[in-house]
């Protein structure tokens, strides 16, 4: 799997202290979405100024915080 990721030009980003700090600023939509991993992805995107590419509707809850590219 790692070989394929590298072959496609991607790299795995480590979790940094800044990501954990920004995690606290990502809203928890308790009625609609509770997955902490999504919030970590969003916090990482905010910290690194990266877009999120996803077809998952739950990311739309966070468009005020992220650059969402819908797949």
N, C-alpha and C. Protein backbone atom coordinates (compact mmCIF):
# COMPACT_ATOMS: atom_id res chain seq x y z
N UNK A 1 0.82 -1.19 0.00
CA UNK A 1 0.00 0.00 0.00
C UNK A 1 0.87 1.26 0.00
N UNK A 2 1.90 1.27 0.83
CA UNK A 2 2.78 2.44 0.90
C UNK A 2 3.44 2.68 -0.45
N UNK A 3 3.85 1.63 -1.13
CA UNK A 3 4.48 1.76 -2.44
C UNK A 3 3.52 2.41 -3.43
N UNK A 4 2.27 2.01 -3.42
CA UNK A 4 1.27 2.58 -4.32
C UNK A 4 1.05 4.06 -4.00
N UNK A 5 0.99 4.41 -2.73
CA UNK A 5 0.83 5.81 -2.33
C UNK A 5 1.98 6.64 -2.88
N UNK A 6 3.21 6.16 -2.69
CA UNK A 6 4.38 6.88 -3.19
C UNK A 6 4.41 6.93 -4.70
N UNK A 7 4.04 5.83 -5.36
CA UNK A 7 4.01 5.78 -6.82
C UNK A 7 3.05 6.82 -7.39
N UNK A 8 1.92 7.02 -6.70
CA UNK A 8 0.93 7.99 -7.15
C UNK A 8 1.28 9.43 -6.77
N UNK A 9 2.43 9.62 -6.11
CA UNK A 9 2.89 10.96 -5.80
C UNK A 9 2.36 11.53 -4.49
N UNK A 10 1.80 10.67 -3.65
CA UNK A 10 1.30 11.11 -2.36
C UNK A 10 2.31 10.79 -1.28
N UNK A 11 2.15 11.44 -0.14
CA UNK A 11 2.95 11.09 1.02
C UNK A 11 2.06 11.08 2.25
N UNK A 12 2.44 10.29 3.21
CA UNK A 12 1.67 10.19 4.44
C UNK A 12 2.13 11.30 5.37
N UNK A 13 1.19 12.06 5.84
CA UNK A 13 1.49 13.19 6.73
C UNK A 13 1.42 12.73 8.18
N UNK A 14 2.45 13.02 8.95
CA UNK A 14 2.40 12.64 10.37
C UNK A 14 1.46 13.57 11.14
N UNK A 15 0.94 13.08 12.25
CA UNK A 15 0.13 13.92 13.12
C UNK A 15 1.08 14.80 13.93
N UNK A 16 0.82 16.09 13.90
CA UNK A 16 1.68 17.06 14.59
C UNK A 16 0.92 17.69 15.76
N UNK A 17 1.67 18.31 16.64
CA UNK A 17 1.06 19.00 17.78
C UNK A 17 0.04 20.04 17.33
N UNK A 18 0.32 20.73 16.23
CA UNK A 18 -0.60 21.76 15.73
C UNK A 18 -1.94 21.15 15.33
N UNK A 19 -1.92 19.95 14.81
CA UNK A 19 -3.15 19.29 14.41
C UNK A 19 -4.02 19.00 15.64
N UNK A 20 -3.37 18.54 16.70
CA UNK A 20 -4.10 18.26 17.93
C UNK A 20 -4.65 19.55 18.52
N UNK A 21 -3.87 20.62 18.48
CA UNK A 21 -4.34 21.92 18.97
C UNK A 21 -5.54 22.40 18.17
N UNK A 22 -5.47 22.31 16.85
CA UNK A 22 -6.57 22.76 15.99
C UNK A 22 -7.79 21.85 16.11
N UNK A 23 -7.59 20.62 16.53
CA UNK A 23 -8.70 19.68 16.72
C UNK A 23 -9.76 20.27 17.65
N UNK A 24 -9.32 20.96 18.67
CA UNK A 24 -10.26 21.55 19.64
C UNK A 24 -11.12 22.66 19.03
N UNK A 25 -10.68 23.23 17.92
CA UNK A 25 -11.43 24.31 17.27
C UNK A 25 -12.45 23.80 16.24
N UNK A 26 -12.42 22.50 15.97
CA UNK A 26 -13.34 21.92 15.00
C UNK A 26 -14.64 21.53 15.73
N UNK A 27 -15.73 22.10 15.27
CA UNK A 27 -17.02 21.89 15.93
C UNK A 27 -17.41 20.42 15.94
N UNK A 28 -18.06 20.04 17.00
CA UNK A 28 -18.63 18.70 17.11
C UNK A 28 -20.12 18.82 16.85
N UNK A 29 -20.56 18.27 15.73
CA UNK A 29 -21.98 18.28 15.39
C UNK A 29 -22.60 17.00 15.96
N UNK A 30 -22.90 17.03 17.26
CA UNK A 30 -23.30 15.83 17.99
C UNK A 30 -24.51 15.13 17.38
N UNK A 31 -25.45 15.89 16.85
CA UNK A 31 -26.64 15.27 16.28
C UNK A 31 -26.38 14.65 14.91
N UNK A 32 -25.41 15.20 14.17
CA UNK A 32 -25.20 14.78 12.79
C UNK A 32 -23.90 13.99 12.56
N UNK A 33 -22.91 14.28 13.41
CA UNK A 33 -21.61 13.69 13.11
C UNK A 33 -20.74 13.67 14.36
N UNK A 34 -20.30 12.48 14.75
CA UNK A 34 -19.52 12.36 15.98
C UNK A 34 -18.13 11.76 15.79
N UNK A 35 -17.75 11.46 14.58
CA UNK A 35 -16.51 10.74 14.33
C UNK A 35 -15.29 11.63 14.60
N UNK A 36 -14.49 11.32 15.62
CA UNK A 36 -13.33 12.16 15.92
C UNK A 36 -12.25 12.10 14.84
N UNK A 37 -12.21 11.01 14.07
CA UNK A 37 -11.20 10.92 13.02
C UNK A 37 -11.45 11.96 11.93
N UNK A 38 -12.69 12.20 11.61
CA UNK A 38 -13.01 13.25 10.64
C UNK A 38 -12.53 14.60 11.15
N UNK A 39 -12.76 14.84 12.43
CA UNK A 39 -12.34 16.12 13.01
C UNK A 39 -10.82 16.25 12.97
N UNK A 40 -10.09 15.14 13.13
CA UNK A 40 -8.63 15.18 13.02
C UNK A 40 -8.20 15.46 11.58
N UNK A 41 -8.89 14.87 10.61
CA UNK A 41 -8.59 15.17 9.21
C UNK A 41 -8.82 16.65 8.93
N UNK A 42 -9.90 17.18 9.43
CA UNK A 42 -10.22 18.60 9.22
C UNK A 42 -9.18 19.49 9.91
N UNK A 43 -8.82 19.15 11.14
CA UNK A 43 -7.82 19.93 11.86
C UNK A 43 -6.48 19.91 11.13
N UNK A 44 -6.12 18.77 10.56
CA UNK A 44 -4.89 18.66 9.79
C UNK A 44 -4.96 19.52 8.54
N UNK A 45 -6.08 19.49 7.86
CA UNK A 45 -6.25 20.33 6.66
C UNK A 45 -6.15 21.81 7.00
N UNK A 46 -6.72 22.20 8.12
CA UNK A 46 -6.64 23.60 8.56
C UNK A 46 -5.19 23.97 8.85
N UNK A 47 -4.51 23.15 9.64
CA UNK A 47 -3.13 23.43 10.03
C UNK A 47 -2.18 23.50 8.85
N UNK A 48 -2.40 22.61 7.89
CA UNK A 48 -1.49 22.51 6.74
C UNK A 48 -1.98 23.30 5.53
N UNK A 49 -3.13 23.94 5.66
CA UNK A 49 -3.73 24.69 4.55
C UNK A 49 -3.89 23.79 3.32
N UNK A 50 -4.51 22.64 3.54
CA UNK A 50 -4.73 21.66 2.48
C UNK A 50 -6.22 21.51 2.20
N UNK A 51 -6.58 21.25 0.94
CA UNK A 51 -7.98 20.94 0.65
C UNK A 51 -8.30 19.50 1.06
N UNK A 52 -9.57 19.24 1.24
CA UNK A 52 -10.04 17.87 1.47
C UNK A 52 -10.84 17.46 0.25
N UNK A 53 -10.47 16.33 -0.34
CA UNK A 53 -11.18 15.79 -1.48
C UNK A 53 -12.00 14.60 -0.98
N UNK A 54 -13.32 14.72 -1.10
CA UNK A 54 -14.17 13.65 -0.57
C UNK A 54 -15.55 13.71 -1.20
N UNK A 55 -16.16 12.55 -1.27
CA UNK A 55 -17.56 12.45 -1.68
C UNK A 55 -18.47 12.31 -0.46
N UNK A 56 -17.88 12.26 0.71
CA UNK A 56 -18.64 12.07 1.95
C UNK A 56 -19.39 13.36 2.31
N UNK A 57 -20.69 13.23 2.44
CA UNK A 57 -21.56 14.37 2.73
C UNK A 57 -21.24 15.04 4.07
N UNK A 58 -20.68 14.29 5.01
CA UNK A 58 -20.41 14.84 6.34
C UNK A 58 -19.41 15.99 6.31
N UNK A 59 -18.50 15.98 5.34
CA UNK A 59 -17.52 17.06 5.26
C UNK A 59 -18.18 18.40 4.93
N UNK A 60 -19.36 18.35 4.33
CA UNK A 60 -20.07 19.59 4.00
C UNK A 60 -20.44 20.39 5.25
N UNK A 61 -20.51 19.72 6.39
CA UNK A 61 -20.79 20.41 7.64
C UNK A 61 -19.68 21.40 8.00
N UNK A 62 -18.51 21.21 7.41
CA UNK A 62 -17.34 21.97 7.80
C UNK A 62 -16.82 22.92 6.72
N UNK A 63 -17.63 23.21 5.71
CA UNK A 63 -17.15 24.03 4.60
C UNK A 63 -16.75 25.44 5.01
N UNK A 64 -17.20 25.90 6.16
CA UNK A 64 -16.77 27.23 6.62
C UNK A 64 -15.33 27.19 7.12
N UNK A 65 -14.80 25.99 7.37
CA UNK A 65 -13.44 25.85 7.89
C UNK A 65 -12.45 25.33 6.86
N UNK A 66 -12.95 24.61 5.85
CA UNK A 66 -12.05 23.89 4.94
C UNK A 66 -12.37 24.22 3.48
N UNK A 67 -11.40 23.92 2.64
CA UNK A 67 -11.62 23.96 1.20
C UNK A 67 -11.99 22.53 0.79
N UNK A 68 -13.27 22.30 0.57
CA UNK A 68 -13.78 20.98 0.21
C UNK A 68 -13.89 20.86 -1.29
N UNK A 69 -13.25 19.84 -1.82
CA UNK A 69 -13.38 19.51 -3.23
C UNK A 69 -14.21 18.24 -3.28
N UNK A 70 -15.41 18.36 -3.81
CA UNK A 70 -16.33 17.23 -3.85
C UNK A 70 -15.97 16.29 -4.98
N UNK A 71 -15.83 15.04 -4.62
CA UNK A 71 -15.48 14.01 -5.61
C UNK A 71 -16.73 13.29 -6.07
